[in-house]
Amino acid sequence: MRTSVVGTGVAVLTLGWAAQVAGQGLVFDARRVGMGGLALGRSSSLVRYNVAYRAVPANSDRRGEPKVTIPIPLGLIQFLHDHPNITKDPAFNPDSTGFNPILVVNTLLNLPIYYEVKQAPTPTNDVIFGIGRDSLRANLGAAAQIVPEDQFGIGGSSRPLDPGIGIRGVRLSVMGWLHDEVGFQLGDNLLGFLRDSQPASANTAYTVNGDGILEGGLAPSIAYAGRIAGDSTMGFYVGAAAHYYLGIAYARTSGVGGFRTGNPILGAPVRPTITAVTDYSKAGNALGHGVGGDVGVAWVSGPIELGVGVNDIGATLTWSDTRRDTLLYDTTSNALRTTPGPNHFTTKTKLPVSYIANVAYSVGLTTLGADVLNAGRGTTIHVGGEQRVGLFSLRGGVARDQRKRIEFGWGGGLRFAAIGFDVGFWTHTNSISNERGITMATSLSIY
């Protein structure tokens, strides 16, 4: 039997593996996209990960750094043209014979904000199934290459809001924080069946191991950032912040899910096998409590700029009102059953430490730079530069993503007085494909 559609199961299994790049966060600045994702000056990324940068003077002229960037979402126009009514689009409807799970996953991994100049091809091909009463075998062809062999997942830490007030370098704020991670690992039996086309065995479990955590809350914070040596042209800056983390809610789960073949394989019912243990503290229970901090340094000397920042050091939260549930598929009643476990006990969670290190060199109308960023799950590296010539700017860059794949960026801009228009191109492999796609980002800049 042959089919040209890769099954939903394969798409789901590859979602976390392919989404690692998506977990890095969106970049709305076409100038930064054109430099391979490189952050320069007092951009949001540097201030977010290096508290010392709050004190570094913003020097727009030296690095061509805009004060405000407004994205132009041409990708939305493209997407709405291709899918004018997504609620009735067969490709996005699981109940339709035209449902395309890979298109759905790729859309989630590449939100339609940018214009896709070259879409990564969907790895469709003939999928061959050999079926008999005592045998079952699948050959996914080229699609087998996207089945992950190692653990895969998405996640990291973020700070979606941080309003506050500052006086003479001291800043008081209430920071919103979020930590989410999901990881999967295909069991040996399922991996062999999907990737290596091994025949299924009777009375055998084919499973995926999974674990995840989601927690969030607020953190009253006090921070200081200032120059301790030098002047505005050559200075050494330090910064530190202390946070008192208040956890509003959290859930952490670990489990195994899949199916068990019958004996004979297709002569007896296939039985689900699902087991999961979840610890959680819902909103309204006792708050989680913990302390942690950030540190950062930055050095500016003429055309050279260096910085290092580390966040969430020692950030361990204690949850005093944790509950535990066990989820199990009951083969007798053929239903999922949740069994309450211990209640009102104490657990601890730990926020991942994130860091950034950056260097920039600017002379005349040329700016070069590099950074290393880890937002809590995998390291990315960016190297890029910009050359300004009159009204025009030319940009280029290269990056290594969390999967250690090399991506390229290039672009340019046109500036009239305080208004600029920027275009950036970016290759990516954050899709279910082994080939690169090319994205075009556009934005307006106000200097």
Protein backbone atom coordinates (compact mmCIF):
# COMPACT_ATOMS: atom_id res chain seq x y z
CA MET A 1 0.00 0.00 0.00
CA ARG A 2 1.38 3.48 -0.90
CA THR A 3 0.48 6.98 0.12
CA SER A 4 1.97 10.41 -0.60
CA VAL A 5 1.16 11.92 2.80
CA VAL A 6 3.48 11.53 5.76
CA GLY A 7 1.35 10.49 8.74
CA THR A 8 0.33 12.69 11.60
CA GLY A 9 2.31 10.62 14.06
CA VAL A 10 5.62 11.36 12.36
CA ALA A 11 4.84 15.08 12.31
CA VAL A 12 4.03 15.11 15.99
CA LEU A 13 7.16 13.16 16.87
CA THR A 14 9.34 15.61 14.99
CA LEU A 15 7.68 18.77 16.29
CA GLY A 16 9.89 19.28 19.32
CA TRP A 17 13.08 18.33 17.46
CA ALA A 18 12.50 20.85 14.72
CA ALA A 19 11.26 23.58 17.02
CA GLN A 20 14.50 24.28 18.84
CA VAL A 21 15.26 27.25 16.62
CA ALA A 22 11.76 28.57 17.16
CA GLY A 23 12.44 28.46 20.87
CA GLN A 24 15.11 31.13 20.48
CA GLY A 25 12.47 33.81 20.03
CA LEU A 26 11.40 35.99 17.11
CA VAL A 27 13.52 38.86 15.79
CA PHE A 28 11.42 41.69 14.35
CA ASP A 29 14.30 43.95 13.31
CA ALA A 30 15.20 43.45 9.63
CA ARG A 31 18.55 45.15 10.31
CA ARG A 32 19.42 42.47 12.84
CA VAL A 33 18.14 39.71 10.54
CA GLY A 34 20.45 40.98 7.80
CA MET A 35 23.42 40.62 10.18
CA GLY A 36 22.64 36.99 10.94
CA GLY A 37 20.72 37.71 14.16
CA LEU A 38 23.53 39.73 15.74
CA ALA A 39 22.54 42.10 18.56
CA LEU A 40 24.46 45.38 18.83
CA GLY A 41 24.43 48.36 21.15
CA ARG A 42 21.65 48.70 23.71
CA SER A 43 19.29 46.36 21.87
CA SER A 44 16.61 44.51 23.80
CA SER A 45 18.63 41.28 23.79
CA LEU A 46 21.73 42.82 25.36
CA VAL A 47 19.80 44.70 28.04
CA ARG A 48 17.72 41.59 28.76
CA TYR A 49 20.74 39.34 29.37
CA ASN A 50 23.31 41.86 30.60
CA VAL A 51 22.12 44.18 33.37
CA ALA A 52 25.22 46.40 32.97
CA TYR A 53 23.98 47.54 29.55
CA ARG A 54 21.30 49.67 31.22
CA ALA A 55 24.11 52.10 32.04
CA VAL A 56 25.97 52.02 28.71
CA PRO A 57 25.11 55.23 26.79
CA ALA A 58 22.99 54.71 23.71
CA ASN A 59 25.11 55.99 20.84
CA SER A 60 22.93 55.75 17.76
CA ASP A 61 25.32 57.55 15.44
CA ARG A 62 28.32 55.34 16.21
CA ARG A 63 26.61 52.03 15.51
CA GLY A 64 23.69 53.10 13.36
CA GLU A 65 21.37 51.76 16.04
CA PRO A 66 17.72 52.88 15.64
CA LYS A 67 15.69 54.10 18.61
CA VAL A 68 12.49 52.35 17.49
CA THR A 69 11.91 49.48 15.06
CA ILE A 70 8.50 48.81 13.51
CA PRO A 71 8.16 45.46 11.67
CA ILE A 72 6.31 45.29 8.36
CA PRO A 73 4.57 41.87 8.40
CA LEU A 74 4.52 41.03 4.69
CA GLY A 75 4.29 37.37 5.66
CA LEU A 76 0.74 37.87 6.93
CA ILE A 77 -0.31 39.11 3.49
CA GLN A 78 1.28 36.07 1.90
CA PHE A 79 -0.34 33.67 4.37
CA LEU A 80 -3.82 35.18 4.10
CA HIS A 81 -3.55 35.07 0.32
CA ASP A 82 -2.66 31.38 0.37
CA HIS A 83 -5.16 30.53 3.15
CA PRO A 84 -8.00 33.10 3.04
CA ASN A 85 -10.19 31.10 5.45
CA ILE A 86 -8.04 28.93 7.67
CA THR A 87 -11.03 27.58 9.62
CA LYS A 88 -12.33 25.96 6.43
CA ASP A 89 -8.96 25.17 4.87
CA PRO A 90 -8.71 21.36 4.44
CA ALA A 91 -4.94 21.46 5.02
CA PHE A 92 -5.51 22.73 8.59
CA ASN A 93 -8.57 20.60 9.40
CA PRO A 94 -7.71 17.25 11.06
CA ASP A 95 -11.09 15.85 10.00
CA SER A 96 -10.41 16.52 6.32
CA THR A 97 -8.81 14.07 3.90
CA GLY A 98 -6.67 16.98 2.74
CA PHE A 99 -5.21 17.57 6.21
CA ASN A 100 -1.46 18.22 5.97
CA PRO A 101 0.17 17.82 9.39
CA ILE A 102 3.59 18.84 8.14
CA LEU A 103 2.19 22.13 6.79
CA VAL A 104 0.60 22.77 10.18
CA VAL A 105 3.85 22.07 12.02
CA ASN A 106 5.92 24.18 9.63
CA THR A 107 3.46 27.08 10.06
CA LEU A 108 3.88 26.90 13.84
CA LEU A 109 7.66 26.78 13.52
CA ASN A 110 7.70 29.68 11.06
CA LEU A 111 4.97 32.08 12.14
CA PRO A 112 3.79 34.01 9.05
CA ILE A 113 5.32 37.34 10.01
CA TYR A 114 8.09 37.31 7.43
CA TYR A 115 7.78 36.74 3.72
CA GLU A 116 8.97 33.31 2.65
CA VAL A 117 11.10 33.88 -0.46
CA LYS A 118 11.91 30.18 -0.63
CA GLN A 119 9.86 27.75 1.38
CA ALA A 120 11.61 24.66 2.66
CA PRO A 121 10.19 21.73 0.65
CA THR A 122 7.94 19.30 2.46
CA PRO A 123 9.62 15.88 2.46
CA THR A 124 6.72 14.04 0.84
CA ASN A 125 7.38 10.72 -0.84
CA ASP A 126 5.84 7.29 -1.19
CA VAL A 127 5.43 5.60 2.17
CA ILE A 128 5.29 1.83 1.87
CA PHE A 129 3.47 -0.36 4.38
CA GLY A 130 3.75 -4.12 4.46
CA ILE A 131 0.75 -5.53 6.31
CA GLY A 132 -0.14 -9.09 7.21
CA ARG A 133 -1.87 -10.89 10.04
CA ASP A 134 1.48 -11.65 11.66
CA SER A 135 3.56 -8.79 10.27
CA LEU A 136 3.66 -5.00 10.03
CA ARG A 137 6.45 -2.99 8.48
CA ALA A 138 6.75 0.61 7.29
CA ASN A 139 9.25 2.22 4.94
CA LEU A 140 9.01 6.00 5.23
CA GLY A 141 11.57 6.60 2.48
CA ALA A 142 13.07 10.10 2.62
CA ALA A 143 10.71 11.04 5.46
CA ALA A 144 12.59 8.64 7.74
CA GLN A 145 15.47 11.12 7.82
CA ILE A 146 13.40 13.59 9.86
CA VAL A 147 12.67 11.08 12.64
CA PRO A 148 14.97 12.20 15.50
CA GLU A 149 17.41 9.69 16.99
CA ASP A 150 18.39 11.77 20.03
CA GLN A 151 16.39 13.57 22.67
CA PHE A 152 14.63 16.60 21.25
CA GLY A 153 12.63 19.42 22.75
CA ILE A 154 11.81 23.07 23.09
CA GLY A 155 11.92 25.55 25.94
CA GLY A 156 13.93 28.04 27.91
CA SER A 157 13.35 31.02 30.18
CA SER A 158 11.90 34.40 29.32
CA ARG A 159 10.89 37.68 30.90
CA PRO A 160 7.83 38.94 29.05
CA LEU A 161 7.55 42.12 31.13
CA ASP A 162 9.74 44.17 33.46
CA PRO A 163 8.20 47.57 34.27
CA GLY A 164 10.06 49.71 36.77
CA ILE A 165 11.53 53.05 37.78
CA GLY A 166 15.18 54.08 38.02
CA ILE A 167 17.02 56.76 39.99
CA ARG A 168 20.80 57.32 39.71
CA GLY A 169 21.48 53.82 38.45
CA VAL A 170 19.23 52.06 40.97
CA ARG A 171 16.13 50.45 39.47
CA LEU A 172 13.08 48.99 41.20
CA SER A 173 10.82 46.76 39.13
CA VAL A 174 8.38 43.87 39.15
CA MET A 175 9.55 41.33 36.61
CA GLY A 176 7.30 38.75 35.00
CA TRP A 177 9.10 35.45 34.40
CA LEU A 178 8.30 32.21 32.60
CA HIS A 179 10.13 28.88 32.37
CA ASP A 180 8.94 26.17 29.99
CA GLU A 181 10.62 23.02 28.72
CA VAL A 182 9.35 19.95 26.89
CA GLY A 183 11.59 17.01 25.97
CA PHE A 184 10.99 13.74 24.14
CA GLN A 185 12.98 10.61 23.44
CA LEU A 186 11.78 7.87 21.10
CA GLY A 187 12.05 4.41 22.57
CA ASP A 188 14.37 1.96 20.81
CA ASN A 189 11.49 -0.12 19.42
CA LEU A 190 9.62 2.86 17.94
CA LEU A 191 12.83 4.41 16.58
CA GLY A 192 13.75 1.19 14.81
CA PHE A 193 10.24 0.83 13.36
CA LEU A 194 10.05 4.42 12.01
CA ARG A 195 13.64 5.21 11.05
CA ASP A 196 15.21 1.84 10.24
CA SER A 197 12.14 0.12 8.80
CA GLN A 198 12.38 -2.73 11.28
CA PRO A 199 9.35 -5.06 11.29
CA ALA A 200 7.00 -4.80 14.26
CA SER A 201 7.07 -7.59 16.84
CA ALA A 202 4.11 -9.16 18.60
CA ASN A 203 3.20 -8.13 22.14
CA THR A 204 5.78 -5.31 22.11
CA ALA A 205 5.55 -1.74 23.40
CA TYR A 206 6.36 1.12 21.00
CA THR A 207 6.67 4.23 23.13
CA VAL A 208 7.97 7.78 23.54
CA ASN A 209 9.45 9.02 26.83
CA GLY A 210 8.47 12.57 27.67
CA ASP A 211 9.03 15.14 30.36
CA GLY A 212 8.14 18.78 30.76
CA ILE A 213 7.84 21.70 33.11
CA LEU A 214 5.89 24.95 33.00
CA GLU A 215 6.14 27.57 35.71
CA GLY A 216 5.72 31.29 35.95
CA GLY A 217 5.18 34.21 38.23
CA LEU A 218 6.42 37.63 39.30
CA ALA A 219 9.67 38.80 40.86
CA PRO A 220 10.06 42.09 42.74
CA SER A 221 13.58 43.20 41.84
CA ILE A 222 16.22 45.74 42.75
CA ALA A 223 19.09 46.40 40.37
CA TYR A 224 22.04 48.69 39.94
CA ALA A 225 23.94 49.55 36.77
CA GLY A 226 26.61 52.20 36.47
CA ARG A 227 30.02 53.22 35.23
CA ILE A 228 32.74 52.62 37.81
CA ALA A 229 35.72 53.80 35.74
CA GLY A 230 36.44 56.00 32.74
CA ASP A 231 34.12 58.32 30.83
CA SER A 232 31.53 58.08 28.05
CA THR A 233 34.19 57.28 25.41
CA MET A 234 36.15 54.76 27.47
CA GLY A 235 34.41 53.26 30.46
CA PHE A 236 33.90 50.12 32.51
CA TYR A 237 30.31 49.35 33.51
CA VAL A 238 28.95 46.87 36.03
CA GLY A 239 25.46 45.75 36.88
CA ALA A 240 23.75 43.45 39.34
CA ALA A 241 20.16 42.58 40.16
CA ALA A 242 18.50 40.66 42.97
CA HIS A 243 15.13 39.00 42.43
CA TYR A 244 12.63 37.58 44.90
CA TYR A 245 10.76 35.05 42.79
CA LEU A 246 7.08 34.52 43.53
CA GLY A 247 5.77 31.49 41.68
CA ILE A 248 2.10 31.68 40.79
CA ALA A 249 1.75 28.16 39.37
CA TYR A 250 3.80 25.25 38.14
CA ALA A 251 3.44 21.76 36.71
CA ARG A 252 6.10 19.13 36.08
CA THR A 253 5.38 15.84 34.40
CA SER A 254 7.26 12.73 33.32
CA GLY A 255 5.79 9.79 31.50
CA VAL A 256 5.77 7.16 28.78
CA GLY A 257 3.17 6.89 26.05
CA GLY A 258 2.60 4.72 23.00
CA PHE A 259 0.99 1.44 22.09
CA ARG A 260 1.51 -2.29 22.52
CA THR A 261 0.98 -4.69 19.65
CA GLY A 262 -1.19 -7.76 19.99
CA ASN A 263 -0.36 -11.42 19.33
CA PRO A 264 -0.70 -11.95 16.43
CA ILE A 265 0.18 -8.39 15.53
CA LEU A 266 -3.00 -7.47 13.64
CA GLY A 267 -5.13 -10.35 14.84
CA ALA A 268 -5.51 -8.87 18.32
CA PRO A 269 -6.36 -5.31 19.38
CA VAL A 270 -3.54 -2.79 19.64
CA ARG A 271 -3.56 -1.48 23.20
CA PRO A 272 -2.46 2.01 24.26
CA THR A 273 0.14 2.19 27.00
CA ILE A 274 0.24 5.49 28.89
CA THR A 275 1.78 6.26 32.26
CA ALA A 276 2.57 9.72 33.60
CA VAL A 277 3.27 11.30 36.98
CA THR A 278 2.55 15.01 37.40
CA ASP A 279 3.49 17.28 40.29
CA TYR A 280 1.73 20.64 40.27
CA SER A 281 0.73 23.68 42.26
CA LYS A 282 -2.21 25.53 40.76
CA ALA A 283 -2.78 29.27 40.81
CA GLY A 284 -4.46 30.01 44.13
CA ASN A 285 -2.36 27.52 46.07
CA ALA A 286 0.55 28.73 48.19
CA LEU A 287 3.04 30.75 46.15
CA GLY A 288 6.44 29.37 45.28
CA HIS A 289 9.34 31.31 46.80
CA GLY A 290 12.96 31.72 45.82
CA VAL A 291 15.81 34.16 45.35
CA GLY A 292 18.29 34.63 42.54
CA GLY A 293 20.25 37.25 40.73
CA ASP A 294 21.86 38.62 37.58
CA VAL A 295 25.33 40.03 37.04
CA GLY A 296 26.89 41.76 34.09
CA VAL A 297 29.90 43.76 32.96
CA ALA A 298 30.54 45.88 29.88
CA TRP A 299 33.65 47.66 28.67
CA VAL A 300 33.67 50.38 26.04
CA SER A 301 36.98 51.75 24.74
CA GLY A 302 36.73 53.87 21.64
CA PRO A 303 35.70 51.57 18.79
CA ILE A 304 35.70 48.39 20.90
CA GLU A 305 32.87 47.11 23.08
CA LEU A 306 32.82 43.93 25.21
CA GLY A 307 30.14 42.52 27.48
CA VAL A 308 29.24 39.46 29.54
CA GLY A 309 25.97 38.85 31.37
CA VAL A 310 24.58 35.95 33.40
CA ASN A 311 20.96 35.64 34.59
CA ASP A 312 18.96 33.70 37.18
CA ILE A 313 21.97 32.61 39.23
CA GLY A 314 20.85 30.37 42.11
CA ALA A 315 17.17 30.76 41.20
CA THR A 316 15.61 27.79 43.01
CA LEU A 317 11.94 27.97 43.99
CA THR A 318 10.31 26.09 46.86
CA TRP A 319 6.66 25.12 46.39
CA SER A 320 5.06 24.21 49.74
CA ASP A 321 1.65 23.11 48.45
CA THR A 322 2.38 20.56 45.75
CA ARG A 323 -0.05 17.85 44.64
CA ARG A 324 0.70 14.71 42.64
CA ASP A 325 -1.49 12.85 40.16
CA THR A 326 -0.77 9.61 38.31
CA LEU A 327 -2.23 9.08 34.85
CA LEU A 328 -2.61 5.49 33.67
CA TYR A 329 -4.36 3.82 30.78
CA ASP A 330 -6.53 1.05 32.20
CA THR A 331 -6.57 -1.85 29.74
CA THR A 332 -9.52 -3.44 31.54
CA SER A 333 -11.89 -0.52 31.06
CA ASN A 334 -10.05 0.90 28.01
CA ALA A 335 -10.00 4.36 29.57
CA LEU A 336 -7.53 6.85 31.00
CA ARG A 337 -7.67 7.07 34.77
CA THR A 338 -6.18 9.73 37.02
CA THR A 339 -5.29 8.67 40.53
CA PRO A 340 -4.67 11.39 43.13
CA GLY A 341 -1.48 10.90 45.09
CA PRO A 342 0.25 12.76 47.91
CA ASN A 343 -1.00 16.24 48.70
CA HIS A 344 0.37 19.39 50.36
CA PHE A 345 4.02 18.34 50.13
CA THR A 346 7.06 20.45 49.26
CA THR A 347 8.98 20.35 45.98
CA LYS A 348 11.66 22.51 44.38
CA THR A 349 12.25 23.74 40.84
CA LYS A 350 15.25 25.51 39.35
CA LEU A 351 15.31 28.14 36.62
CA PRO A 352 17.97 27.56 33.97
CA VAL A 353 20.95 29.92 34.01
CA SER A 354 21.12 32.01 30.82
CA TYR A 355 24.04 34.05 29.58
CA ILE A 356 25.35 36.24 26.78
CA ALA A 357 28.85 37.31 25.72
CA ASN A 358 29.29 39.93 23.01
CA VAL A 359 31.95 41.93 21.23
CA ALA A 360 31.60 44.82 18.77
CA TYR A 361 34.08 46.91 16.78
CA SER A 362 33.05 50.13 15.09
CA VAL A 363 35.27 52.43 13.06
CA GLY A 364 33.95 55.10 10.77
CA LEU A 365 30.93 53.69 8.92
CA THR A 366 31.83 50.04 9.54
CA THR A 367 30.52 47.95 12.42
CA LEU A 368 31.46 44.31 13.13
CA GLY A 369 30.38 42.12 16.00
CA ALA A 370 29.74 38.69 17.47
CA ASP A 371 27.77 37.19 20.35
CA VAL A 372 27.20 33.87 22.09
CA LEU A 373 23.74 33.43 23.62
CA ASN A 374 22.17 30.68 25.71
CA ALA A 375 18.59 31.33 26.77
CA GLY A 376 18.39 28.18 28.88
CA ARG A 377 18.31 25.42 26.27
CA GLY A 378 21.18 25.36 23.80
CA THR A 379 23.75 27.88 22.61
CA THR A 380 23.55 30.07 19.50
CA ILE A 381 26.42 32.02 17.94
CA HIS A 382 26.08 35.10 15.71
CA VAL A 383 28.75 36.90 13.71
CA GLY A 384 27.88 39.84 11.48
CA GLY A 385 28.56 43.35 10.30
CA GLU A 386 27.28 46.49 8.62
CA GLN A 387 28.84 48.90 6.14
CA ARG A 388 27.16 52.29 5.72
CA VAL A 389 27.68 54.20 2.47
CA GLY A 390 25.85 57.51 2.35
CA LEU A 391 22.12 56.80 2.53
CA PHE A 392 22.66 53.05 2.10
CA SER A 393 23.71 50.24 4.41
CA LEU A 394 24.96 46.80 3.44
CA ARG A 395 24.80 43.93 5.96
CA GLY A 396 25.79 40.30 6.28
CA GLY A 397 26.19 37.63 8.93
CA VAL A 398 26.39 33.97 9.80
CA ALA A 399 25.03 32.03 12.78
CA ARG A 400 25.15 28.60 14.37
CA ASP A 401 21.79 27.60 15.80
CA GLN A 402 20.95 25.34 18.75
CA ARG A 403 21.15 22.28 16.51
CA LYS A 404 24.66 23.36 15.46
CA ARG A 405 23.50 24.13 11.92
CA ILE A 406 24.98 27.09 10.04
CA GLU A 407 22.61 29.78 8.77
CA PHE A 408 23.27 32.92 6.73
CA GLY A 409 21.90 36.45 6.75
CA TRP A 410 22.28 39.40 4.39
CA GLY A 411 20.41 42.60 3.57
CA GLY A 412 20.52 46.35 3.39
CA GLY A 413 18.81 49.57 4.30
CA LEU A 414 17.99 53.05 3.08
CA ARG A 415 17.89 55.99 5.50
CA PHE A 416 16.41 59.45 5.02
CA ALA A 417 17.15 61.69 8.02
CA ALA A 418 15.41 60.06 11.02
CA ILE A 419 13.53 57.39 9.02
CA GLY A 420 15.01 54.19 7.62
CA PHE A 421 13.70 51.23 5.66
CA ASP A 422 15.48 47.90 6.15
CA VAL A 423 15.33 44.54 4.39
CA GLY A 424 16.97 41.39 5.69
CA PHE A 425 17.19 37.85 4.30
CA TRP A 426 17.74 34.81 6.49
CA THR A 427 18.19 31.13 5.74
CA HIS A 428 16.61 28.69 8.15
CA THR A 429 16.11 25.00 8.77
CA ASN A 430 13.50 25.36 11.51
CA SER A 431 11.03 23.27 9.54
CA ILE A 432 10.41 19.61 8.84
CA SER A 433 12.84 19.41 5.96
CA ASN A 434 16.52 18.78 5.36
CA GLU A 435 16.76 21.77 3.00
CA ARG A 436 16.98 25.45 3.87
CA GLY A 437 14.24 27.97 3.37
CA ILE A 438 14.84 31.70 2.87
CA THR A 439 12.90 34.38 4.76
CA MET A 440 12.70 38.10 4.00
CA ALA A 441 12.12 40.52 6.90
CA THR A 442 11.16 44.17 6.43
CA SER A 443 10.94 46.95 8.99
CA LEU A 444 10.88 50.73 9.47
CA SER A 445 13.45 52.32 11.76
CA ILE A 446 13.27 55.63 13.61
CA TYR A 447 16.65 57.14 14.56
